[in-house]
C-alpha atoms as a PDB file:
ATOM      1  CA  MET A   1       0.000   0.000   0.000  1.00  0.00           C
ATOM      2  CA  ALA A   2       1.310   3.427  -0.923  1.00  0.00           C
ATOM      3  CA  LEU A   3       0.366   6.826  -2.249  1.00  0.00           C
ATOM      4  CA  ARG A   4       2.183   9.122  -4.641  1.00  0.00           C
ATOM      5  CA  PRO A   5       2.029  12.909  -5.051  1.00  0.00           C
ATOM      6  CA  VAL A   6       0.674  13.614  -8.524  1.00  0.00           C
ATOM      7  CA  GLN A   7      -0.247  17.291  -8.594  1.00  0.00           C
ATOM      8  CA  VAL A   8      -0.256  20.622  -6.807  1.00  0.00           C
ATOM      9  CA  ASN A   9      -3.805  21.942  -6.548  1.00  0.00           C
ATOM     10  CA  ILE A  10      -3.971  25.757  -6.730  1.00  0.00           C
ATOM     11  CA  LYS A  11      -7.174  27.670  -6.053  1.00  0.00           C
ATOM     12  CA  ALA A  12      -7.922  30.689  -8.254  1.00  0.00           C
ATOM     13  CA  LEU A  13     -10.704  33.101  -9.109  1.00  0.00           C
ATOM     14  CA  ASP A  14      -9.988  32.510 -12.796  1.00  0.00           C
ATOM     15  CA  ASP A  15      -8.715  28.971 -13.277  1.00  0.00           C
ATOM     16  CA  ALA A  16      -8.283  29.373 -17.033  1.00  0.00           C
ATOM     17  CA  ALA A  17      -6.123  32.504 -16.735  1.00  0.00           C
ATOM     18  CA  ILE A  18      -3.957  31.114 -13.953  1.00  0.00           C
ATOM     19  CA  GLY A  19      -3.699  27.814 -15.798  1.00  0.00           C
ATOM     20  CA  ARG A  20      -2.463  29.654 -18.888  1.00  0.00           C
ATOM     21  CA  PHE A  21       0.116  31.477 -16.787  1.00  0.00           C
ATOM     22  CA  TRP A  22       1.512  28.255 -15.335  1.00  0.00           C
ATOM     23  CA  ALA A  23       1.469  26.477 -18.680  1.00  0.00           C
ATOM     24  CA  GLU A  24       3.509  29.315 -20.200  1.00  0.00           C
ATOM     25  CA  ALA A  25       5.773  29.449 -17.151  1.00  0.00           C
ATOM     26  CA  LEU A  26       6.580  25.739 -17.295  1.00  0.00           C
ATOM     27  CA  GLY A  27       6.376  25.160 -21.038  1.00  0.00           C
ATOM     28  CA  TRP A  28       3.609  22.616 -20.481  1.00  0.00           C
ATOM     29  CA  GLY A  29       0.234  21.949 -22.062  1.00  0.00           C
ATOM     30  CA  LEU A  30      -3.318  22.744 -21.006  1.00  0.00           C
ATOM     31  CA  SER A  31      -6.477  20.677 -20.705  1.00  0.00           C
ATOM     32  CA  SER A  32      -9.661  20.745 -18.644  1.00  0.00           C
ATOM     33  CA  GLU A  33     -11.270  17.730 -17.005  1.00  0.00           C
ATOM     34  CA  ALA A  34     -14.366  19.693 -15.906  1.00  0.00           C
ATOM     35  CA  PRO A  35     -15.749  23.227 -15.796  1.00  0.00           C
ATOM     36  CA  GLY A  36     -13.763  25.302 -13.325  1.00  0.00           C
ATOM     37  CA  VAL A  37     -10.706  23.037 -13.493  1.00  0.00           C
ATOM     38  CA  THR A  38      -7.643  23.689 -15.642  1.00  0.00           C
ATOM     39  CA  ASN A  39      -4.993  20.983 -15.850  1.00  0.00           C
ATOM     40  CA  VAL A  40      -1.362  21.878 -16.541  1.00  0.00           C
ATOM     41  CA  GLU A  41       0.979  19.033 -17.427  1.00  0.00           C
ATOM     42  CA  PRO A  42       3.903  18.207 -19.730  1.00  0.00           C
ATOM     43  CA  GLY A  43       3.134  17.663 -23.379  1.00  0.00           C
ATOM     44  CA  GLY A  44       4.602  15.129 -25.763  1.00  0.00           C
ATOM     45  CA  ASP A  45       4.328  11.499 -24.684  1.00  0.00           C
ATOM     46  CA  PHE A  46       3.701  12.291 -20.999  1.00  0.00           C
ATOM     47  CA  VAL A  47       0.926  10.127 -19.534  1.00  0.00           C
ATOM     48  CA  TRP A  48      -0.443  11.089 -16.110  1.00  0.00           C
ATOM     49  CA  PRO A  49       0.440   9.921 -13.512  1.00  0.00           C
ATOM     50  CA  ASP A  50       4.207   9.781 -13.957  1.00  0.00           C
ATOM     51  CA  PRO A  51       6.777  10.487 -11.220  1.00  0.00           C
ATOM     52  CA  ALA A  52       8.803  12.506 -13.731  1.00  0.00           C
ATOM     53  CA  ALA A  53       6.433  15.422 -13.092  1.00  0.00           C
ATOM     54  CA  VAL A  54       4.140  16.695 -10.370  1.00  0.00           C
ATOM     55  CA  CYS A  55       1.464  18.457 -12.408  1.00  0.00           C
ATOM     56  CA  ILE A  56      -0.609  21.528 -11.540  1.00  0.00           C
ATOM     57  CA  ASP A  57      -4.392  21.605 -11.281  1.00  0.00           C
ATOM     58  CA  VAL A  58      -5.975  25.058 -11.020  1.00  0.00           C
ATOM     59  CA  VAL A  59      -9.453  24.988  -9.487  1.00  0.00           C
ATOM     60  CA  ALA A  60     -11.890  27.903  -9.504  1.00  0.00           C
ATOM     61  CA  VAL A  61     -13.092  29.239  -6.143  1.00  0.00           C
ATOM     62  CA  PRO A  62     -15.103  32.390  -5.304  1.00  0.00           C
ATOM     63  CA  GLU A  63     -12.739  33.725  -2.654  1.00  0.00           C
ATOM     64  CA  PRO A  64      -9.643  35.767  -3.580  1.00  0.00           C
ATOM     65  CA  LYS A  65      -6.276  35.002  -2.017  1.00  0.00           C
ATOM     66  CA  THR A  66      -5.609  36.782   1.245  1.00  0.00           C
ATOM     67  CA  THR A  67      -2.386  38.699   1.852  1.00  0.00           C
ATOM     68  CA  THR A  68      -1.103  35.753   3.910  1.00  0.00           C
ATOM     69  CA  LYS A  69       1.791  33.926   2.255  1.00  0.00           C
ATOM     70  CA  ASN A  70       0.917  30.463   0.962  1.00  0.00           C
ATOM     71  CA  ARG A  71       2.501  27.712   3.023  1.00  0.00           C
ATOM     72  CA  VAL A  72       2.899  25.556  -0.071  1.00  0.00           C
ATOM     73  CA  HIS A  73       4.677  26.839  -3.177  1.00  0.00           C
ATOM     74  CA  VAL A  74       6.800  25.643  -6.071  1.00  0.00           C
ATOM     75  CA  ASP A  75      10.435  26.430  -6.804  1.00  0.00           C
ATOM     76  CA  LEU A  76      11.418  26.655 -10.454  1.00  0.00           C
ATOM     77  CA  ALA A  77      14.764  25.314 -11.648  1.00  0.00           C
ATOM     78  CA  THR A  78      17.268  27.137 -13.861  1.00  0.00           C
ATOM     79  CA  THR A  79      20.454  25.980 -15.550  1.00  0.00           C
ATOM     80  CA  SER A  80      22.534  29.180 -15.500  1.00  0.00           C
ATOM     81  CA  ALA A  81      22.516  32.768 -14.272  1.00  0.00           C
ATOM     82  CA  ALA A  82      21.469  33.858 -17.754  1.00  0.00           C
ATOM     83  CA  HIS A  83      18.604  31.338 -17.770  1.00  0.00           C
ATOM     84  CA  GLN A  84      17.441  32.583 -14.362  1.00  0.00           C
ATOM     85  CA  ALA A  85      17.435  36.207 -15.540  1.00  0.00           C
ATOM     86  CA  GLU A  86      15.653  35.303 -18.778  1.00  0.00           C
ATOM     87  CA  LEU A  87      13.031  33.229 -16.949  1.00  0.00           C
ATOM     88  CA  VAL A  88      12.322  35.985 -14.415  1.00  0.00           C
ATOM     89  CA  ALA A  89      11.928  38.531 -17.222  1.00  0.00           C
ATOM     90  CA  ARG A  90       9.599  36.206 -19.159  1.00  0.00           C
ATOM     91  CA  LEU A  91       7.481  35.455 -16.099  1.00  0.00           C
ATOM     92  CA  ARG A  92       7.114  39.157 -15.361  1.00  0.00           C
ATOM     93  CA  SER A  93       5.984  39.712 -18.951  1.00  0.00           C
ATOM     94  CA  LEU A  94       3.327  37.029 -18.345  1.00  0.00           C
ATOM     95  CA  GLY A  95       1.986  38.891 -15.301  1.00  0.00           C
ATOM     96  CA  ALA A  96       4.144  37.734 -12.396  1.00  0.00           C
ATOM     97  CA  THR A  97       5.131  40.342  -9.825  1.00  0.00           C
ATOM     98  CA  PRO A  98       8.058  40.563  -7.378  1.00  0.00           C
ATOM     99  CA  VAL A  99       7.169  39.730  -3.784  1.00  0.00           C
ATOM    100  CA  ASP A 100       8.913  40.523  -0.515  1.00  0.00           C
ATOM    101  CA  VAL A 101       8.279  37.690   1.959  1.00  0.00           C
ATOM    102  CA  GLY A 102      11.191  38.705   4.158  1.00  0.00           C
ATOM    103  CA  GLN A 103      13.717  36.773   2.088  1.00  0.00           C
ATOM    104  CA  GLY A 104      16.386  39.459   2.298  1.00  0.00           C
ATOM    105  CA  ASP A 105      19.429  39.308   0.029  1.00  0.00           C
ATOM    106  CA  VAL A 106      19.200  35.848  -1.533  1.00  0.00           C
ATOM    107  CA  PRO A 107      20.308  34.430  -4.894  1.00  0.00           C
ATOM    108  CA  TRP A 108      16.815  33.321  -5.866  1.00  0.00           C
ATOM    109  CA  THR A 109      13.920  35.521  -6.976  1.00  0.00           C
ATOM    110  CA  VAL A 110      10.529  35.484  -5.260  1.00  0.00           C
ATOM    111  CA  LEU A 111       7.558  36.193  -7.504  1.00  0.00           C
ATOM    112  CA  ALA A 112       3.788  35.801  -7.403  1.00  0.00           C
ATOM    113  CA  ASP A 113       1.493  34.648 -10.171  1.00  0.00           C
ATOM    114  CA  PRO A 114      -1.268  37.034 -11.360  1.00  0.00           C
ATOM    115  CA  GLU A 115      -3.492  36.100  -8.403  1.00  0.00           C
ATOM    116  CA  GLY A 116      -0.738  36.432  -5.808  1.00  0.00           C
ATOM    117  CA  ASN A 117       0.401  32.817  -5.368  1.00  0.00           C
ATOM    118  CA  GLU A 118       4.054  32.988  -4.410  1.00  0.00           C
ATOM    119  CA  PHE A 119       6.794  30.944  -6.069  1.00  0.00           C
ATOM    120  CA  CYS A 120      10.575  31.105  -6.417  1.00  0.00           C
ATOM    121  CA  VAL A 121      12.901  31.113  -9.403  1.00  0.00           C
ATOM    122  CA  LEU A 122      16.056  29.489  -8.096  1.00  0.00           C
ATOM    123  CA  GLU A 123      19.616  30.205  -9.073  1.00  0.00           C
ATOM    124  CA  PRO A 124      21.215  27.203 -10.823  1.00  0.00           C
ATOM    125  CA  ARG A 125      21.825  24.324  -8.419  1.00  0.00           C
ATOM    126  CA  GLU A 126      23.334  21.006  -9.401  1.00  0.00           C
ATOM    127  CA  ILE A 127      20.810  19.013  -7.354  1.00  0.00           C
ATOM    128  CA  TYR A 128      17.953  20.297  -9.539  1.00  0.00           C
ATOM    129  CA  ARG A 129      19.594  19.643 -12.920  1.00  0.00           C
ATOM    130  CA  ASP A 130      17.296  16.702 -13.723  1.00  0.00           C
ATOM    131  CA  THR A 131      13.994  17.679 -12.086  1.00  0.00           C
ATOM    132  CA  GLY A 132      12.293  19.352 -15.008  1.00  0.00           C
ATOM    133  CA  PRO A 133      10.988  22.923 -14.702  1.00  0.00           C
ATOM    134  CA  ILE A 134       9.675  22.404 -11.160  1.00  0.00           C
ATOM    135  CA  ALA A 135      12.659  21.883  -8.868  1.00  0.00           C
ATOM    136  CA  ALA A 136      10.658  21.348  -5.693  1.00  0.00           C
ATOM    137  CA  VAL A 137       7.293  21.596  -4.017  1.00  0.00           C
ATOM    138  CA  VAL A 138       8.053  23.454  -0.793  1.00  0.00           C
ATOM    139  CA  VAL A 139       5.990  23.336   2.404  1.00  0.00           C
ATOM    140  CA  ASP A 140       6.481  25.719   5.320  1.00  0.00           C
ATOM    141  CA  CYS A 141       6.311  23.920   8.641  1.00  0.00           C
ATOM    142  CA  ALA A 142       7.196  24.146  12.320  1.00  0.00           C
ATOM    143  CA  ASP A 143       8.895  20.752  12.663  1.00  0.00           C
ATOM    144  CA  PRO A 144      10.558  19.228   9.585  1.00  0.00           C
ATOM    145  CA  ARG A 145      11.455  16.061  11.504  1.00  0.00           C
ATOM    146  CA  ALA A 146       7.809  15.458  12.384  1.00  0.00           C
ATOM    147  CA  MET A 147       6.803  16.154   8.799  1.00  0.00           C
ATOM    148  CA  ALA A 148       9.446  13.665   7.613  1.00  0.00           C
ATOM    149  CA  ARG A 149       7.975  11.006   9.881  1.00  0.00           C
ATOM    150  CA  PHE A 150       4.430  11.550   8.644  1.00  0.00           C
ATOM    151  CA  TRP A 151       5.097  12.097   4.947  1.00  0.00           C
ATOM    152  CA  GLY A 152       7.813   9.458   4.838  1.00  0.00           C
ATOM    153  CA  GLU A 153       5.130   6.930   5.806  1.00  0.00           C
ATOM    154  CA  ALA A 154       2.259   8.572   3.921  1.00  0.00           C
ATOM    155  CA  ILE A 155       3.834   8.415   0.456  1.00  0.00           C
ATOM    156  CA  ASP A 156       6.190   6.035  -1.313  1.00  0.00           C
ATOM    157  CA  TRP A 157       8.897   8.637  -1.897  1.00  0.00           C
ATOM    158  CA  THR A 158      12.397   8.257  -0.467  1.00  0.00           C
ATOM    159  CA  LEU A 159      13.533  10.411   2.446  1.00  0.00           C
ATOM    160  CA  CYS A 160      16.724  12.039   1.143  1.00  0.00           C
ATOM    161  CA  GLU A 161      17.517  14.401   4.010  1.00  0.00           C
ATOM    162  CA  VAL A 162      16.180  15.229   7.449  1.00  0.00           C
ATOM    163  CA  ALA A 163      17.427  17.861   9.899  1.00  0.00           C
ATOM    164  CA  ASP A 164      15.983  20.332  12.373  1.00  0.00           C
ATOM    165  CA  ASP A 165      15.399  22.941   9.679  1.00  0.00           C
ATOM    166  CA  ARG A 166      14.713  20.874   6.561  1.00  0.00           C
ATOM    167  CA  ALA A 167      13.378  17.534   5.353  1.00  0.00           C
ATOM    168  CA  VAL A 168      13.539  16.413   1.721  1.00  0.00           C
ATOM    169  CA  LEU A 169      11.827  13.570  -0.154  1.00  0.00           C
ATOM    170  CA  ARG A 170      11.885  12.477  -3.794  1.00  0.00           C
ATOM    171  CA  SER A 171      10.367   9.724  -5.887  1.00  0.00           C
ATOM    172  CA  ALA A 172      12.168   6.436  -5.333  1.00  0.00           C
ATOM    173  CA  LYS A 173      12.669   6.349  -9.109  1.00  0.00           C
ATOM    174  CA  GLY A 174      15.020   9.326  -8.789  1.00  0.00           C
ATOM    175  CA  VAL A 175      13.056  11.528 -11.192  1.00  0.00           C
ATOM    176  CA  GLY A 176      10.901  14.621 -10.981  1.00  0.00           C
ATOM    177  CA  PRO A 177      10.810  17.360  -8.349  1.00  0.00           C
ATOM    178  CA  TYR A 178      11.666  17.149  -4.673  1.00  0.00           C
ATOM    179  CA  LEU A 179       9.205  17.603  -1.806  1.00  0.00           C
ATOM    180  CA  GLU A 180      10.795  19.861   0.809  1.00  0.00           C
ATOM    181  CA  PHE A 181       9.617  20.804   4.290  1.00  0.00           C
ATOM    182  CA  LEU A 182      11.308  23.959   5.575  1.00  0.00           C
ATOM    183  CA  ARG A 183      11.153  25.251   9.133  1.00  0.00           C
ATOM    184  CA  THR A 184       9.584  28.717   9.261  1.00  0.00           C
ATOM    185  CA  PRO A 185       8.621  30.932  12.199  1.00  0.00           C
ATOM    186  CA  ASP A 186       5.149  31.688  10.863  1.00  0.00           C
ATOM    187  CA  ALA A 187       2.207  29.683  12.158  1.00  0.00           C
ATOM    188  CA  LYS A 188      -0.564  28.456   9.874  1.00  0.00           C
ATOM    189  CA  THR A 189      -3.492  30.877  10.157  1.00  0.00           C
ATOM    190  CA  VAL A 190      -5.636  30.390   7.014  1.00  0.00           C
ATOM    191  CA  PRO A 191      -6.500  27.443   4.759  1.00  0.00           C
ATOM    192  CA  ASP A 192      -3.800  26.693   2.224  1.00  0.00           C
ATOM    193  CA  ARG A 193      -4.375  28.206  -1.215  1.00  0.00           C
ATOM    194  CA  ALA A 194      -2.255  25.396  -2.653  1.00  0.00           C
ATOM    195  CA  HIS A 195      -2.042  21.770  -1.576  1.00  0.00           C
ATOM    196  CA  LEU A 196      -0.845  18.359  -2.702  1.00  0.00           C
ATOM    197  CA  ASP A 197      -3.076  15.729  -4.254  1.00  0.00           C
ATOM    198  CA  LEU A 198      -2.103  12.085  -3.666  1.00  0.00           C
ATOM    199  CA  LEU A 199      -3.123   9.103  -5.772  1.00  0.00           C
ATOM    200  CA  PRO A 200      -3.319   5.398  -4.857  1.00  0.00           C
ATOM    201  CA  TYR A 201      -1.733   2.834  -7.147  1.00  0.00           C
ATOM    202  CA  THR A 202      -3.901   0.646  -9.329  1.00  0.00           C
ATOM    203  CA  GLY A 203      -5.206  -2.215  -7.225  1.00  0.00           C
ATOM    204  CA  ASP A 204      -4.820  -0.395  -3.911  1.00  0.00           C
ATOM    205  CA  ASP A 205      -7.917   0.418  -1.890  1.00  0.00           C
ATOM    206  CA  LYS A 206      -8.478   4.152  -1.402  1.00  0.00           C
ATOM    207  CA  ALA A 207     -10.504   3.694   1.789  1.00  0.00           C
ATOM    208  CA  ALA A 208      -7.731   1.573   3.284  1.00  0.00           C
ATOM    209  CA  GLU A 209      -5.170   4.217   2.311  1.00  0.00           C
ATOM    210  CA  VAL A 210      -7.234   6.936   3.988  1.00  0.00           C
ATOM    211  CA  ALA A 211      -7.553   4.809   7.129  1.00  0.00           C
ATOM    212  CA  ARG A 212      -3.789   4.301   7.116  1.00  0.00           C
ATOM    213  CA  LEU A 213      -3.228   8.061   6.901  1.00  0.00           C
ATOM    214  CA  ARG A 214      -5.578   8.666   9.823  1.00  0.00           C
ATOM    215  CA  ALA A 215      -3.586   6.131  11.854  1.00  0.00           C
ATOM    216  CA  LEU A 216      -0.437   8.106  11.029  1.00  0.00           C
ATOM    217  CA  GLY A 217      -1.986  11.306  12.388  1.00  0.00           C
ATOM    218  CA  ALA A 218      -3.993  12.793   9.499  1.00  0.00           C
ATOM    219  CA  THR A 219      -7.372  14.324  10.310  1.00  0.00           C
ATOM    220  CA  ASP A 220     -10.527  14.673   8.239  1.00  0.00           C
ATOM    221  CA  LEU A 221     -11.457  18.029   6.743  1.00  0.00           C
ATOM    222  CA  ASP A 222     -14.874  19.352   5.787  1.00  0.00           C
ATOM    223  CA  LEU A 223     -14.256  22.123   3.270  1.00  0.00           C
ATOM    224  CA  GLY A 224     -17.787  22.025   1.947  1.00  0.00           C
ATOM    225  CA  GLN A 225     -16.691  19.546  -0.709  1.00  0.00           C
ATOM    226  CA  GLY A 226     -19.867  17.485  -0.439  1.00  0.00           C
ATOM    227  CA  ASP A 227     -20.095  14.061  -2.069  1.00  0.00           C
ATOM    228  CA  VAL A 228     -16.916  13.846  -4.117  1.00  0.00           C
ATOM    229  CA  PRO A 229     -14.642  10.945  -5.147  1.00  0.00           C
ATOM    230  CA  TRP A 230     -11.656  12.376  -3.289  1.00  0.00           C
ATOM    231  CA  THR A 231     -11.033  12.635   0.455  1.00  0.00           C
ATOM    232  CA  CYS A 232      -9.844  15.855   2.120  1.00  0.00           C
ATOM    233  CA  LEU A 233      -7.398  15.455   4.983  1.00  0.00           C
ATOM    234  CA  ALA A 234      -4.838  17.481   6.924  1.00  0.00           C
ATOM    235  CA  ASP A 235      -1.394  16.389   8.052  1.00  0.00           C
ATOM    236  CA  PRO A 236      -0.364  16.739  11.731  1.00  0.00           C
ATOM    237  CA  GLU A 237       0.500  20.439  11.235  1.00  0.00           C
ATOM    238  CA  GLY A 238      -2.781  21.183   9.455  1.00  0.00           C
ATOM    239  CA  HIS A 239      -1.591  21.258   5.838  1.00  0.00           C
ATOM    240  CA  GLU A 240      -4.537  20.265   3.687  1.00  0.00           C
ATOM    241  CA  PHE A 241      -4.172  17.530   1.085  1.00  0.00           C
ATOM    242  CA  CYS A 242      -6.473  15.270  -0.912  1.00  0.00           C
ATOM    243  CA  VAL A 243      -6.461  11.553  -1.680  1.00  0.00           C
ATOM    244  CA  LEU A 244      -7.861  11.125  -5.163  1.00  0.00           C
ATOM    245  CA  GLY A 245      -9.753   8.204  -6.602  1.00  0.00           C
ATOM    246  CA  ARG A 246      -7.633   5.752  -8.566  1.00  0.00           C
ATOM    247  CA  ALA A 247      -6.386   6.744 -12.023  1.00  0.00           C
END
């Protein structure tokens, strides 16, 4: 029994517009599985789900983003200083704006998409050379070691690093982005605007997977979702995530 992260779910007032932004940002394609949902994923011969990419689903909601920084964001990879500068300039031309989240003088650039969802454009780092355009999905947390214990059991990814200030996981196949939990001083105060969606493997029982997550410390969430084929949960620090129906 195991689960795998398959997409970052981002809420937006205009799912189509934000989907177009992220498709242009990543060089990926667009589709829509239902009204109010825009799917962003690699083109070519990519077949979802594939650990080589954690995709992006943009889902329409009526509420705008608050001024509170998202506790889940993506970091984008670059291959050189010139590539970083070119990517930042292109993203700004697409509607991204610079954001000050208290980062100070750092080699990466913090931006927000047209609805204010923060993300980072990293300076070139060798570790992210083979991740694809998304280097990492980053989660702010109070205790990376506790997050490593929960998420290391919750999903089938390999724990690559764990310390007091950082925990890192990646697909056991050694492909795709990293999942990073970073210690931050800010407490969670509002529902996450972005969250991870997990998918069972073919043949695994979703209800059994959800029960396993509850035993690990996950709690049920009622977000007004009603009767849907996915299950909304929160990890031990309150980060929302969903367990989808099988592919």
